[in-house]
Amino acid sequence: MAQVTRSRPRPRVSLLATDGRPHPLQATLVAVTLVLGALAFVTAMFHNLHLVSSWAGLVGILTGAYGQYISVTTRERFPLIIGMGASAIGFFLGMAHGGLFGGVVG
């Protein structure tokens, strides 16, 4: 019997299952979600920065949710969840400290 060869080369090291193709939109959404999550989380620790933390958290949650919707691999989904969690914490603490429009409207 002849050996069956694979037409697709396997990656040497695979962390968290990848399909071997680039996904630039998903990678951009991962980076944006992580940056916004870090910004929202850090600024939520300061009471007077509630506008920054609440808006960064809200946008981070939305970009992370869209990234989850179009993600293809686990390698993309894992950091999206981390970024969305940090964004949610920043968003909720920002809302508790004054909200999206605290003092500006109303």
N, C-alpha and C. Protein backbone atom coordinates (compact mmCIF):
# COMPACT_ATOMS: atom_id res chain seq x y z
N MET A 1 0.82 -1.18 0.00
CA MET A 1 0.00 0.00 0.00
C MET A 1 0.87 1.25 0.00
N ALA A 2 0.40 2.23 -0.69
CA ALA A 2 1.13 3.50 -0.74
C ALA A 2 0.73 4.36 0.46
N GLN A 3 1.70 5.15 0.91
CA GLN A 3 1.41 6.04 2.03
C GLN A 3 0.62 7.25 1.54
N VAL A 4 -0.27 7.71 2.39
CA VAL A 4 -1.06 8.89 2.07
C VAL A 4 -0.33 10.10 2.60
N THR A 5 -0.09 11.07 1.72
CA THR A 5 0.59 12.29 2.15
C THR A 5 -0.44 13.39 2.34
N ARG A 6 -0.14 14.26 3.25
CA ARG A 6 -1.05 15.38 3.51
C ARG A 6 -0.74 16.52 2.57
N SER A 7 -1.78 17.16 2.10
CA SER A 7 -1.58 18.27 1.17
C SER A 7 -1.31 19.58 1.92
N ARG A 8 -1.67 19.65 3.18
CA ARG A 8 -1.50 20.85 3.97
C ARG A 8 -0.40 20.61 5.00
N PRO A 9 0.63 21.44 5.03
CA PRO A 9 1.67 21.23 6.04
C PRO A 9 1.16 21.61 7.43
N ARG A 10 1.57 20.84 8.41
CA ARG A 10 1.15 21.10 9.78
C ARG A 10 2.12 22.07 10.43
N PRO A 11 1.62 22.98 11.24
CA PRO A 11 2.52 23.89 11.94
C PRO A 11 3.36 23.13 12.96
N ARG A 12 4.59 23.60 13.16
CA ARG A 12 5.47 22.91 14.10
C ARG A 12 4.97 23.03 15.53
N VAL A 13 4.56 24.23 15.91
CA VAL A 13 4.04 24.45 17.26
C VAL A 13 2.67 25.10 17.12
N SER A 14 1.69 24.53 17.77
CA SER A 14 0.35 25.09 17.68
C SER A 14 -0.19 25.32 19.07
N LEU A 15 -0.26 26.57 19.48
CA LEU A 15 -0.91 26.91 20.72
C LEU A 15 -2.37 27.19 20.43
N LEU A 16 -3.24 26.50 21.07
CA LEU A 16 -4.68 26.75 20.95
C LEU A 16 -5.22 26.68 19.54
N ALA A 17 -5.07 25.62 18.87
CA ALA A 17 -5.68 25.30 17.57
C ALA A 17 -5.80 26.47 16.59
N THR A 18 -5.07 26.38 15.53
CA THR A 18 -5.15 27.38 14.49
C THR A 18 -5.42 26.69 13.16
N ASP A 19 -5.94 27.42 12.21
CA ASP A 19 -6.19 26.83 10.91
C ASP A 19 -5.07 27.14 9.92
N GLY A 20 -4.04 27.84 10.36
CA GLY A 20 -2.89 28.10 9.51
C GLY A 20 -3.03 29.27 8.55
N ARG A 21 -4.13 29.97 8.59
CA ARG A 21 -4.33 31.12 7.70
C ARG A 21 -4.34 32.41 8.52
N PRO A 22 -3.92 33.52 7.92
CA PRO A 22 -3.96 34.80 8.66
C PRO A 22 -5.38 35.35 8.73
N HIS A 23 -5.68 36.00 9.82
CA HIS A 23 -6.98 36.64 10.03
C HIS A 23 -6.73 38.06 10.51
N PRO A 24 -6.46 38.99 9.60
CA PRO A 24 -6.08 40.35 10.03
C PRO A 24 -7.20 41.10 10.74
N LEU A 25 -8.44 40.96 10.33
CA LEU A 25 -9.53 41.66 11.00
C LEU A 25 -9.71 41.15 12.43
N GLN A 26 -9.67 39.84 12.60
CA GLN A 26 -9.82 39.27 13.93
C GLN A 26 -8.65 39.66 14.82
N ALA A 27 -7.44 39.67 14.28
CA ALA A 27 -6.27 40.06 15.07
C ALA A 27 -6.37 41.53 15.49
N THR A 28 -6.87 42.37 14.62
CA THR A 28 -7.06 43.78 14.96
C THR A 28 -8.10 43.94 16.06
N LEU A 29 -9.19 43.21 15.97
CA LEU A 29 -10.22 43.28 17.00
C LEU A 29 -9.71 42.77 18.34
N VAL A 30 -8.86 41.75 18.32
CA VAL A 30 -8.26 41.25 19.55
C VAL A 30 -7.40 42.34 20.19
N ALA A 31 -6.56 42.98 19.38
CA ALA A 31 -5.67 44.02 19.91
C ALA A 31 -6.47 45.20 20.45
N VAL A 32 -7.48 45.65 19.72
CA VAL A 32 -8.29 46.79 20.16
C VAL A 32 -9.04 46.44 21.45
N THR A 33 -9.59 45.25 21.53
CA THR A 33 -10.32 44.84 22.72
C THR A 33 -9.41 44.76 23.93
N LEU A 34 -8.20 44.23 23.76
CA LEU A 34 -7.26 44.15 24.88
C LEU A 34 -6.81 45.53 25.35
N VAL A 35 -6.55 46.43 24.41
CA VAL A 35 -6.12 47.79 24.78
C VAL A 35 -7.26 48.52 25.49
N LEU A 36 -8.46 48.45 24.95
CA LEU A 36 -9.59 49.11 25.59
C LEU A 36 -9.91 48.49 26.94
N GLY A 37 -9.77 47.18 27.06
CA GLY A 37 -10.00 46.53 28.34
C GLY A 37 -8.99 46.97 29.39
N ALA A 38 -7.73 47.06 29.00
CA ALA A 38 -6.70 47.53 29.94
C ALA A 38 -6.95 48.99 30.33
N LEU A 39 -7.30 49.81 29.36
CA LEU A 39 -7.59 51.22 29.64
C LEU A 39 -8.78 51.36 30.57
N ALA A 40 -9.85 50.65 30.30
CA ALA A 40 -11.05 50.73 31.14
C ALA A 40 -10.77 50.21 32.54
N PHE A 41 -10.03 49.13 32.65
CA PHE A 41 -9.74 48.54 33.95
C PHE A 41 -8.88 49.46 34.81
N VAL A 42 -7.85 50.04 34.21
CA VAL A 42 -6.94 50.90 34.96
C VAL A 42 -7.62 52.22 35.34
N THR A 43 -8.34 52.83 34.42
CA THR A 43 -8.97 54.11 34.73
C THR A 43 -10.17 53.94 35.67
N ALA A 44 -10.72 52.75 35.79
CA ALA A 44 -11.83 52.53 36.72
C ALA A 44 -11.38 52.64 38.16
N MET A 45 -10.08 52.54 38.41
CA MET A 45 -9.58 52.65 39.78
C MET A 45 -9.56 54.09 40.28
N PHE A 46 -9.76 55.04 39.38
CA PHE A 46 -9.75 56.45 39.75
C PHE A 46 -11.16 57.02 39.56
N HIS A 47 -11.72 57.53 40.65
CA HIS A 47 -13.12 57.98 40.65
C HIS A 47 -13.37 59.08 39.63
N ASN A 48 -12.41 59.99 39.45
CA ASN A 48 -12.64 61.13 38.56
C ASN A 48 -12.47 60.79 37.07
N LEU A 49 -12.08 59.59 36.74
CA LEU A 49 -11.92 59.17 35.34
C LEU A 49 -13.07 58.26 34.89
N HIS A 50 -14.24 58.44 35.47
CA HIS A 50 -15.35 57.55 35.16
C HIS A 50 -15.82 57.68 33.71
N LEU A 51 -15.66 58.86 33.09
CA LEU A 51 -16.06 58.99 31.69
C LEU A 51 -15.18 58.13 30.79
N VAL A 52 -13.88 58.15 31.05
CA VAL A 52 -12.95 57.34 30.24
C VAL A 52 -13.21 55.86 30.45
N SER A 53 -13.34 55.45 31.71
CA SER A 53 -13.51 54.02 31.98
C SER A 53 -14.85 53.50 31.46
N SER A 54 -15.90 54.27 31.59
CA SER A 54 -17.19 53.76 31.13
C SER A 54 -17.27 53.70 29.60
N TRP A 55 -16.76 54.72 28.91
CA TRP A 55 -16.80 54.68 27.45
C TRP A 55 -15.83 53.64 26.87
N ALA A 56 -14.61 53.58 27.42
CA ALA A 56 -13.66 52.57 26.94
C ALA A 56 -14.19 51.17 27.21
N GLY A 57 -14.82 50.98 28.36
CA GLY A 57 -15.41 49.68 28.68
C GLY A 57 -16.53 49.30 27.73
N LEU A 58 -17.40 50.27 27.44
CA LEU A 58 -18.52 49.99 26.54
C LEU A 58 -18.03 49.65 25.14
N VAL A 59 -17.10 50.43 24.61
CA VAL A 59 -16.57 50.15 23.27
C VAL A 59 -15.79 48.83 23.27
N GLY A 60 -15.06 48.55 24.35
CA GLY A 60 -14.33 47.28 24.45
C GLY A 60 -15.25 46.08 24.47
N ILE A 61 -16.37 46.20 25.16
CA ILE A 61 -17.35 45.11 25.18
C ILE A 61 -17.93 44.89 23.79
N LEU A 62 -18.26 45.98 23.10
CA LEU A 62 -18.85 45.84 21.77
C LEU A 62 -17.87 45.28 20.74
N THR A 63 -16.61 45.76 20.76
CA THR A 63 -15.63 45.22 19.81
C THR A 63 -15.30 43.76 20.14
N GLY A 64 -15.26 43.43 21.42
CA GLY A 64 -15.01 42.03 21.80
C GLY A 64 -16.16 41.12 21.39
N ALA A 65 -17.38 41.62 21.53
CA ALA A 65 -18.53 40.81 21.13
C ALA A 65 -18.54 40.58 19.62
N TYR A 66 -18.22 41.62 18.85
CA TYR A 66 -18.16 41.43 17.40
C TYR A 66 -16.99 40.50 17.03
N GLY A 67 -15.89 40.64 17.72
CA GLY A 67 -14.76 39.74 17.48
C GLY A 67 -15.11 38.29 17.78
N GLN A 68 -15.88 38.06 18.84
CA GLN A 68 -16.33 36.70 19.15
C GLN A 68 -17.24 36.17 18.05
N TYR A 69 -18.05 37.05 17.52
CA TYR A 69 -19.01 36.65 16.48
C TYR A 69 -18.29 36.19 15.21
N ILE A 70 -17.20 36.86 14.84
CA ILE A 70 -16.52 36.51 13.59
C ILE A 70 -15.24 35.72 13.80
N SER A 71 -14.91 35.37 15.05
CA SER A 71 -13.66 34.65 15.29
C SER A 71 -13.73 33.24 14.72
N VAL A 72 -12.55 32.74 14.36
CA VAL A 72 -12.46 31.44 13.72
C VAL A 72 -11.78 30.42 14.62
N THR A 73 -10.79 30.83 15.39
CA THR A 73 -9.99 29.90 16.16
C THR A 73 -10.05 30.22 17.65
N THR A 74 -9.64 29.26 18.45
CA THR A 74 -9.54 29.45 19.89
C THR A 74 -8.47 30.47 20.23
N ARG A 75 -7.44 30.54 19.43
CA ARG A 75 -6.37 31.51 19.63
C ARG A 75 -6.90 32.94 19.58
N GLU A 76 -7.96 33.18 18.86
CA GLU A 76 -8.58 34.51 18.80
C GLU A 76 -9.59 34.69 19.93
N ARG A 77 -10.30 33.64 20.28
CA ARG A 77 -11.36 33.77 21.26
C ARG A 77 -10.84 33.98 22.68
N PHE A 78 -9.74 33.34 23.02
CA PHE A 78 -9.23 33.42 24.39
C PHE A 78 -8.87 34.85 24.79
N PRO A 79 -8.05 35.58 24.03
CA PRO A 79 -7.76 36.96 24.45
C PRO A 79 -8.97 37.89 24.33
N LEU A 80 -9.90 37.57 23.45
CA LEU A 80 -11.12 38.37 23.37
C LEU A 80 -11.91 38.29 24.67
N ILE A 81 -11.99 37.12 25.25
CA ILE A 81 -12.71 36.95 26.52
C ILE A 81 -12.00 37.71 27.63
N ILE A 82 -10.67 37.66 27.66
CA ILE A 82 -9.91 38.40 28.67
C ILE A 82 -10.16 39.90 28.52
N GLY A 83 -10.08 40.40 27.30
CA GLY A 83 -10.31 41.82 27.05
C GLY A 83 -11.74 42.25 27.36
N MET A 84 -12.70 41.39 27.03
CA MET A 84 -14.09 41.72 27.33
C MET A 84 -14.34 41.73 28.83
N GLY A 85 -13.71 40.83 29.56
CA GLY A 85 -13.85 40.82 31.02
C GLY A 85 -13.30 42.08 31.65
N ALA A 86 -12.11 42.50 31.22
CA ALA A 86 -11.52 43.73 31.74
C ALA A 86 -12.37 44.94 31.35
N SER A 87 -12.89 44.94 30.13
CA SER A 87 -13.75 46.03 29.68
C SER A 87 -15.03 46.08 30.51
N ALA A 88 -15.59 44.94 30.81
CA ALA A 88 -16.83 44.90 31.59
C ALA A 88 -16.60 45.41 33.01
N ILE A 89 -15.50 45.01 33.63
CA ILE A 89 -15.19 45.51 34.97
C ILE A 89 -15.01 47.02 34.94
N GLY A 90 -14.25 47.52 33.97
CA GLY A 90 -14.07 48.96 33.84
C GLY A 90 -15.37 49.68 33.56
N PHE A 91 -16.19 49.11 32.71
CA PHE A 91 -17.49 49.71 32.38
C PHE A 91 -18.38 49.79 33.62
N PHE A 92 -18.50 48.69 34.34
CA PHE A 92 -19.40 48.68 35.50
C PHE A 92 -18.90 49.60 36.61
N LEU A 93 -17.61 49.63 36.86
CA LEU A 93 -17.08 50.56 37.87
C LEU A 93 -17.21 52.00 37.42
N GLY A 94 -17.01 52.25 36.13
CA GLY A 94 -17.22 53.60 35.60
C GLY A 94 -18.67 54.04 35.73
N MET A 95 -19.59 53.12 35.51
CA MET A 95 -21.01 53.45 35.68
C MET A 95 -21.33 53.71 37.14
N ALA A 96 -20.70 52.98 38.05
CA ALA A 96 -20.94 53.19 39.47
C ALA A 96 -20.38 54.52 39.95
N HIS A 97 -19.31 54.98 39.32
CA HIS A 97 -18.68 56.24 39.73
C HIS A 97 -19.29 57.47 39.09
N GLY A 98 -20.16 57.32 38.13
CA GLY A 98 -20.77 58.50 37.53
C GLY A 98 -21.38 58.28 36.17
N GLY A 99 -21.05 57.19 35.52
CA GLY A 99 -21.70 56.86 34.28
C GLY A 99 -21.11 57.45 33.03
N LEU A 100 -21.79 57.24 31.93
CA LEU A 100 -21.33 57.66 30.62
C LEU A 100 -21.38 59.18 30.44
N PHE A 101 -22.36 59.83 31.05
CA PHE A 101 -22.54 61.26 30.90
C PHE A 101 -22.55 61.98 32.24
N GLY A 102 -22.01 61.36 33.28
CA GLY A 102 -22.08 61.90 34.64
C GLY A 102 -21.60 63.34 34.75
N GLY A 103 -22.50 64.22 35.05
CA GLY A 103 -22.16 65.62 35.22
C GLY A 103 -22.17 66.44 33.95
N VAL A 104 -22.11 65.78 32.79
CA VAL A 104 -22.10 66.51 31.53
C VAL A 104 -23.52 66.73 31.02
N VAL A 105 -24.36 65.71 31.09
CA VAL A 105 -25.75 65.79 30.66
C VAL A 105 -26.63 65.50 31.87
N GLY A 106 -27.60 66.32 32.09
CA GLY A 106 -28.56 66.08 33.15
C GLY A 106 -28.08 66.55 34.45
